[in-house]
Structure formats: C-alpha cells, structure tokens
Amino acid sequence: MKQSINCCDYFEKMRHNFEWFSYQDENNKKVYFMPTLRDCNGHTKLRVNYCPSCGKEVRAIELEKTI
C-alpha cells in the first residue's frame, strides 16, 4: 500500500467491493485511489468519502496492491 488504511479492519476486507480510479506512477506501477460505487442504474460513480463501518475518511487513500 502506498498509504496505510488508518481505519478499521473491515475496510481492508471489503475494499475489493469498490471500483477505484487509477493512474501509473513514476515507476510505472498502477496506483488505485478514490473508492467509488455505482448508483442503482449502474451509470454514475458515487465517491466513497468515509468508511461505511467506522466513519474515517478514505477518499484520499492510495493503494499499490491489486484490488
């Protein structure tokens, strides 16, 4: 992880349920950031600002691990 998840263990276990924006860093590694969910119609990406379990901010998190 580029930035650790300073939140509950639940977010770590459920992060694969989110979609993530991504970019290539200077070492050509893919970095995932800003978790999102699709709306009920599957069109609009809704940003996840806070952990649904503990309430800590997760919008600015960046992950290097495969989701």
PDB file of N, CA and C in Angstrom:
ATOM      1  N   MET A   1       0.821  -1.189   0.000  1.00  0.00           N
ATOM      2  CA  MET A   1       0.000   0.000   0.000  1.00  0.00           C
ATOM      3  C   MET A   1       0.861   1.246   0.000  1.00  0.00           C
ATOM      4  N   LYS A   2       0.469   2.183  -0.778  1.00  0.00           N
ATOM      5  CA  LYS A   2       1.182   3.448  -0.782  1.00  0.00           C
ATOM      6  C   LYS A   2       0.868   4.223   0.485  1.00  0.00           C
ATOM      7  N   GLN A   3      -0.346   4.173   0.901  1.00  0.00           N
ATOM      8  CA  GLN A   3      -0.778   4.831   2.128  1.00  0.00           C
ATOM      9  C   GLN A   3      -1.555   3.800   2.928  1.00  0.00           C
ATOM     10  N   SER A   4      -1.235   3.665   4.200  1.00  0.00           N
ATOM     11  CA  SER A   4      -1.938   2.669   5.002  1.00  0.00           C
ATOM     12  C   SER A   4      -3.373   3.116   5.257  1.00  0.00           C
ATOM     13  N   ILE A   5      -4.217   2.155   5.452  1.00  0.00           N
ATOM     14  CA  ILE A   5      -5.606   2.440   5.784  1.00  0.00           C
ATOM     15  C   ILE A   5      -5.677   2.604   7.295  1.00  0.00           C
ATOM     16  N   ASN A   6      -5.826   3.836   7.739  1.00  0.00           N
ATOM     17  CA  ASN A   6      -5.916   4.117   9.173  1.00  0.00           C
ATOM     18  C   ASN A   6      -7.369   4.069   9.588  1.00  0.00           C
ATOM     19  N   CYS A   7      -7.901   2.900   9.553  1.00  0.00           N
ATOM     20  CA  CYS A   7      -9.318   2.710   9.754  1.00  0.00           C
ATOM     21  C   CYS A   7      -9.498   1.301  10.291  1.00  0.00           C
ATOM     22  N   CYS A   8     -10.694   0.855  10.356  1.00  0.00           N
ATOM     23  CA  CYS A   8     -10.968  -0.467  10.908  1.00  0.00           C
ATOM     24  C   CYS A   8     -10.533  -1.582   9.949  1.00  0.00           C
ATOM     25  N   ASP A   9     -10.431  -2.770  10.440  1.00  0.00           N
ATOM     26  CA  ASP A   9     -10.055  -3.912   9.609  1.00  0.00           C
ATOM     27  C   ASP A   9     -11.131  -4.240   8.574  1.00  0.00           C
ATOM     28  N   TYR A  10     -12.343  -3.821   8.822  1.00  0.00           N
ATOM     29  CA  TYR A  10     -13.437  -4.127   7.906  1.00  0.00           C
ATOM     30  C   TYR A  10     -13.218  -3.518   6.528  1.00  0.00           C
ATOM     31  N   PHE A  11     -12.708  -2.292   6.457  1.00  0.00           N
ATOM     32  CA  PHE A  11     -12.477  -1.647   5.168  1.00  0.00           C
ATOM     33  C   PHE A  11     -11.466  -2.438   4.349  1.00  0.00           C
ATOM     34  N   GLU A  12     -10.422  -2.918   4.977  1.00  0.00           N
ATOM     35  CA  GLU A  12      -9.409  -3.730   4.291  1.00  0.00           C
ATOM     36  C   GLU A  12     -10.053  -4.966   3.669  1.00  0.00           C
ATOM     37  N   LYS A  13     -11.013  -5.566   4.361  1.00  0.00           N
ATOM     38  CA  LYS A  13     -11.665  -6.782   3.873  1.00  0.00           C
ATOM     39  C   LYS A  13     -12.689  -6.510   2.777  1.00  0.00           C
ATOM     40  N   MET A  14     -13.253  -5.302   2.751  1.00  0.00           N
ATOM     41  CA  MET A  14     -14.310  -5.009   1.778  1.00  0.00           C
ATOM     42  C   MET A  14     -13.845  -4.141   0.616  1.00  0.00           C
ATOM     43  N   ARG A  15     -12.578  -3.747   0.570  1.00  0.00           N
ATOM     44  CA  ARG A  15     -12.117  -2.818  -0.466  1.00  0.00           C
ATOM     45  C   ARG A  15     -12.264  -3.376  -1.877  1.00  0.00           C
ATOM     46  N   HIS A  16     -12.288  -4.674  -2.038  1.00  0.00           N
ATOM     47  CA  HIS A  16     -12.465  -5.263  -3.373  1.00  0.00           C
ATOM     48  C   HIS A  16     -13.886  -5.052  -3.911  1.00  0.00           C
ATOM     49  N   ASN A  17     -14.824  -4.663  -3.062  1.00  0.00           N
ATOM     50  CA  ASN A  17     -16.198  -4.403  -3.500  1.00  0.00           C
ATOM     51  C   ASN A  17     -16.358  -3.038  -4.170  1.00  0.00           C
ATOM     52  N   PHE A  18     -15.373  -2.168  -4.005  1.00  0.00           N
ATOM     53  CA  PHE A  18     -15.433  -0.835  -4.599  1.00  0.00           C
ATOM     54  C   PHE A  18     -14.777  -0.849  -5.972  1.00  0.00           C
ATOM     55  N   GLU A  19     -15.147   0.121  -6.791  1.00  0.00           N
ATOM     56  CA  GLU A  19     -14.394   0.418  -8.000  1.00  0.00           C
ATOM     57  C   GLU A  19     -13.413   1.512  -7.602  1.00  0.00           C
ATOM     58  N   TRP A  20     -12.291   1.605  -8.308  1.00  0.00           N
ATOM     59  CA  TRP A  20     -11.249   2.558  -7.954  1.00  0.00           C
ATOM     60  C   TRP A  20     -10.778   3.293  -9.203  1.00  0.00           C
ATOM     61  N   PHE A  21     -10.521   4.590  -9.054  1.00  0.00           N
ATOM     62  CA  PHE A  21      -9.803   5.317 -10.087  1.00  0.00           C
ATOM     63  C   PHE A  21      -8.353   4.861  -9.997  1.00  0.00           C
ATOM     64  N   SER A  22      -7.584   5.028 -11.067  1.00  0.00           N
ATOM     65  CA  SER A  22      -6.189   4.596 -11.017  1.00  0.00           C
ATOM     66  C   SER A  22      -5.322   5.454 -11.937  1.00  0.00           C
ATOM     67  N   TYR A  23      -4.017   5.385 -11.704  1.00  0.00           N
ATOM     68  CA  TYR A  23      -3.031   6.042 -12.555  1.00  0.00           C
ATOM     69  C   TYR A  23      -1.723   5.268 -12.479  1.00  0.00           C
ATOM     70  N   GLN A  24      -0.811   5.519 -13.411  1.00  0.00           N
ATOM     71  CA  GLN A  24       0.513   4.917 -13.402  1.00  0.00           C
ATOM     72  C   GLN A  24       1.460   5.883 -12.704  1.00  0.00           C
ATOM     73  N   ASP A  25       2.205   5.397 -11.697  1.00  0.00           N
ATOM     74  CA  ASP A  25       3.161   6.266 -11.021  1.00  0.00           C
ATOM     75  C   ASP A  25       4.465   6.350 -11.803  1.00  0.00           C
ATOM     76  N   GLU A  26       5.457   7.049 -11.243  1.00  0.00           N
ATOM     77  CA  GLU A  26       6.729   7.259 -11.947  1.00  0.00           C
ATOM     78  C   GLU A  26       7.509   5.960 -12.178  1.00  0.00           C
ATOM     79  N   ASN A  27       7.202   4.910 -11.408  1.00  0.00           N
ATOM     80  CA  ASN A  27       7.836   3.601 -11.592  1.00  0.00           C
ATOM     81  C   ASN A  27       6.989   2.677 -12.465  1.00  0.00           C
ATOM     82  N   ASN A  28       5.992   3.249 -13.117  1.00  0.00           N
ATOM     83  CA  ASN A  28       5.076   2.523 -13.996  1.00  0.00           C
ATOM     84  C   ASN A  28       4.238   1.479 -13.249  1.00  0.00           C
ATOM     85  N   LYS A  29       4.020   1.699 -11.953  1.00  0.00           N
ATOM     86  CA  LYS A  29       3.129   0.839 -11.175  1.00  0.00           C
ATOM     87  C   LYS A  29       1.749   1.475 -11.143  1.00  0.00           C
ATOM     88  N   LYS A  30       0.747   0.654 -11.160  1.00  0.00           N
ATOM     89  CA  LYS A  30      -0.626   1.147 -11.088  1.00  0.00           C
ATOM     90  C   LYS A  30      -0.962   1.490  -9.640  1.00  0.00           C
ATOM     91  N   VAL A  31      -1.492   2.683  -9.426  1.00  0.00           N
ATOM     92  CA  VAL A  31      -1.895   3.147  -8.103  1.00  0.00           C
ATOM     93  C   VAL A  31      -3.406   3.372  -8.124  1.00  0.00           C
ATOM     94  N   TYR A  32      -4.090   2.793  -7.181  1.00  0.00           N
ATOM     95  CA  TYR A  32      -5.546   2.931  -7.071  1.00  0.00           C
ATOM     96  C   TYR A  32      -5.865   4.004  -6.040  1.00  0.00           C
ATOM     97  N   PHE A  33      -6.859   4.839  -6.350  1.00  0.00           N
ATOM     98  CA  PHE A  33      -7.249   5.894  -5.418  1.00  0.00           C
ATOM     99  C   PHE A  33      -8.734   6.175  -5.540  1.00  0.00           C
ATOM    100  N   MET A  34      -9.275   6.862  -4.596  1.00  0.00           N
ATOM    101  CA  MET A  34     -10.667   7.280  -4.512  1.00  0.00           C
ATOM    102  C   MET A  34     -11.660   6.155  -4.807  1.00  0.00           C
ATOM    103  N   PRO A  35     -12.039   5.396  -3.789  1.00  0.00           N
ATOM    104  CA  PRO A  35     -13.022   4.331  -3.991  1.00  0.00           C
ATOM    105  C   PRO A  35     -14.375   4.896  -4.405  1.00  0.00           C
ATOM    106  N   THR A  36     -15.061   4.154  -5.268  1.00  0.00           N
ATOM    107  CA  THR A  36     -16.382   4.572  -5.749  1.00  0.00           C
ATOM    108  C   THR A  36     -17.333   3.383  -5.786  1.00  0.00           C
ATOM    109  N   LEU A  37     -18.606   3.694  -5.835  1.00  0.00           N
ATOM    110  CA  LEU A  37     -19.670   2.711  -6.033  1.00  0.00           C
ATOM    111  C   LEU A  37     -20.535   3.201  -7.183  1.00  0.00           C
ATOM    112  N   ARG A  38     -21.142   2.290  -7.898  1.00  0.00           N
ATOM    113  CA  ARG A  38     -22.087   2.661  -8.959  1.00  0.00           C
ATOM    114  C   ARG A  38     -23.461   2.890  -8.342  1.00  0.00           C
ATOM    115  N   ASP A  39     -24.227   3.821  -8.912  1.00  0.00           N
ATOM    116  CA  ASP A  39     -25.594   4.015  -8.450  1.00  0.00           C
ATOM    117  C   ASP A  39     -26.452   2.827  -8.869  1.00  0.00           C
ATOM    118  N   CYS A  40     -27.719   2.826  -8.487  1.00  0.00           N
ATOM    119  CA  CYS A  40     -28.582   1.673  -8.740  1.00  0.00           C
ATOM    120  C   CYS A  40     -28.800   1.414 -10.233  1.00  0.00           C
ATOM    121  N   ASN A  41     -28.613   2.419 -11.086  1.00  0.00           N
ATOM    122  CA  ASN A  41     -28.730   2.230 -12.533  1.00  0.00           C
ATOM    123  C   ASN A  41     -27.411   1.809 -13.165  1.00  0.00           C
ATOM    124  N   GLY A  42     -26.331   1.827 -12.386  1.00  0.00           N
ATOM    125  CA  GLY A  42     -25.028   1.416 -12.875  1.00  0.00           C
ATOM    126  C   GLY A  42     -24.314   2.450 -13.722  1.00  0.00           C
ATOM    127  N   HIS A  43     -24.787   3.697 -13.719  1.00  0.00           N
ATOM    128  CA  HIS A  43     -24.200   4.720 -14.578  1.00  0.00           C
ATOM    129  C   HIS A  43     -23.254   5.660 -13.840  1.00  0.00           C
ATOM    130  N   THR A  44     -23.689   6.206 -12.738  1.00  0.00           N
ATOM    131  CA  THR A  44     -22.941   7.229 -12.039  1.00  0.00           C
ATOM    132  C   THR A  44     -22.051   6.618 -10.967  1.00  0.00           C
ATOM    133  N   LYS A  45     -20.791   7.055 -10.935  1.00  0.00           N
ATOM    134  CA  LYS A  45     -19.883   6.617  -9.876  1.00  0.00           C
ATOM    135  C   LYS A  45     -20.065   7.533  -8.671  1.00  0.00           C
ATOM    136  N   LEU A  46     -20.386   6.951  -7.549  1.00  0.00           N
ATOM    137  CA  LEU A  46     -20.556   7.693  -6.300  1.00  0.00           C
ATOM    138  C   LEU A  46     -19.294   7.537  -5.475  1.00  0.00           C
ATOM    139  N   ARG A  47     -18.659   8.634  -5.117  1.00  0.00           N
ATOM    140  CA  ARG A  47     -17.414   8.580  -4.359  1.00  0.00           C
ATOM    141  C   ARG A  47     -17.677   8.140  -2.923  1.00  0.00           C
ATOM    142  N   VAL A  48     -16.798   7.298  -2.423  1.00  0.00           N
ATOM    143  CA  VAL A  48     -16.876   6.856  -1.035  1.00  0.00           C
ATOM    144  C   VAL A  48     -15.924   7.748  -0.245  1.00  0.00           C
ATOM    145  N   ASN A  49     -16.480   8.656   0.542  1.00  0.00           N
ATOM    146  CA  ASN A  49     -15.653   9.586   1.305  1.00  0.00           C
ATOM    147  C   ASN A  49     -15.228   9.018   2.653  1.00  0.00           C
ATOM    148  N   TYR A  50     -16.079   8.200   3.252  1.00  0.00           N
ATOM    149  CA  TYR A  50     -15.822   7.701   4.598  1.00  0.00           C
ATOM    150  C   TYR A  50     -16.064   6.198   4.666  1.00  0.00           C
ATOM    151  N   CYS A  51     -15.341   5.539   5.531  1.00  0.00           N
ATOM    152  CA  CYS A  51     -15.524   4.106   5.737  1.00  0.00           C
ATOM    153  C   CYS A  51     -16.954   3.854   6.211  1.00  0.00           C
ATOM    154  N   PRO A  52     -17.663   2.941   5.569  1.00  0.00           N
ATOM    155  CA  PRO A  52     -19.041   2.668   5.984  1.00  0.00           C
ATOM    156  C   PRO A  52     -19.139   2.010   7.352  1.00  0.00           C
ATOM    157  N   SER A  53     -18.040   1.507   7.873  1.00  0.00           N
ATOM    158  CA  SER A  53     -18.068   0.843   9.172  1.00  0.00           C
ATOM    159  C   SER A  53     -17.681   1.772  10.319  1.00  0.00           C
ATOM    160  N   CYS A  54     -16.512   2.424  10.210  1.00  0.00           N
ATOM    161  CA  CYS A  54     -16.034   3.224  11.346  1.00  0.00           C
ATOM    162  C   CYS A  54     -16.137   4.725  11.117  1.00  0.00           C
ATOM    163  N   GLY A  55     -16.345   5.172   9.885  1.00  0.00           N
ATOM    164  CA  GLY A  55     -16.544   6.586   9.607  1.00  0.00           C
ATOM    165  C   GLY A  55     -15.286   7.392   9.316  1.00  0.00           C
ATOM    166  N   LYS A  56     -14.119   6.776   9.298  1.00  0.00           N
ATOM    167  CA  LYS A  56     -12.894   7.528   8.993  1.00  0.00           C
ATOM    168  C   LYS A  56     -12.825   7.837   7.502  1.00  0.00           C
ATOM    169  N   GLU A  57     -12.156   8.949   7.166  1.00  0.00           N
ATOM    170  CA  GLU A  57     -12.054   9.361   5.770  1.00  0.00           C
ATOM    171  C   GLU A  57     -11.166   8.405   4.985  1.00  0.00           C
ATOM    172  N   VAL A  58     -11.665   7.938   3.842  1.00  0.00           N
ATOM    173  CA  VAL A  58     -10.909   7.027   2.979  1.00  0.00           C
ATOM    174  C   VAL A  58     -10.805   7.545   1.542  1.00  0.00           C
ATOM    175  N   ARG A  59     -11.381   8.684   1.256  1.00  0.00           N
ATOM    176  CA  ARG A  59     -11.385   9.195  -0.118  1.00  0.00           C
ATOM    177  C   ARG A  59      -9.971   9.456  -0.641  1.00  0.00           C
ATOM    178  N   ALA A  60      -9.062   9.924   0.189  1.00  0.00           N
ATOM    179  CA  ALA A  60      -7.713  10.286  -0.251  1.00  0.00           C
ATOM    180  C   ALA A  60      -6.734   9.115  -0.226  1.00  0.00           C
ATOM    181  N   ILE A  61      -7.198   7.938   0.094  1.00  0.00           N
ATOM    182  CA  ILE A  61      -6.306   6.788   0.204  1.00  0.00           C
ATOM    183  C   ILE A  61      -5.763   6.389  -1.165  1.00  0.00           C
ATOM    184  N   GLU A  62      -4.528   5.905  -1.200  1.00  0.00           N
ATOM    185  CA  GLU A  62      -3.921   5.384  -2.417  1.00  0.00           C
ATOM    186  C   GLU A  62      -3.357   4.007  -2.121  1.00  0.00           C
ATOM    187  N   LEU A  63      -3.645   3.058  -3.006  1.00  0.00           N
ATOM    188  CA  LEU A  63      -3.200   1.679  -2.824  1.00  0.00           C
ATOM    189  C   LEU A  63      -2.376   1.230  -4.005  1.00  0.00           C
ATOM    190  N   GLU A  64      -1.288   0.519  -3.743  1.00  0.00           N
ATOM    191  CA  GLU A  64      -0.498  -0.056  -4.814  1.00  0.00           C
ATOM    192  C   GLU A  64      -0.817  -1.534  -5.013  1.00  0.00           C
ATOM    193  N   LYS A  65      -1.438  -2.141  -4.040  1.00  0.00           N
ATOM    194  CA  LYS A  65      -1.802  -3.544  -4.157  1.00  0.00           C
ATOM    195  C   LYS A  65      -2.933  -3.719  -5.149  1.00  0.00           C
ATOM    196  N   THR A  66      -2.977  -4.883  -5.764  1.00  0.00           N
ATOM    197  CA  THR A  66      -4.077  -5.212  -6.652  1.00  0.00           C
ATOM    198  C   THR A  66      -5.364  -5.265  -5.846  1.00  0.00           C
ATOM    199  N   ILE A  67      -6.398  -4.701  -6.394  1.00  0.00           N
ATOM    200  CA  ILE A  67      -7.671  -4.648  -5.675  1.00  0.00           C
ATOM    201  C   ILE A  67      -8.340  -5.966  -5.745  1.00  0.00           C
TER     202      ILE A  67
END
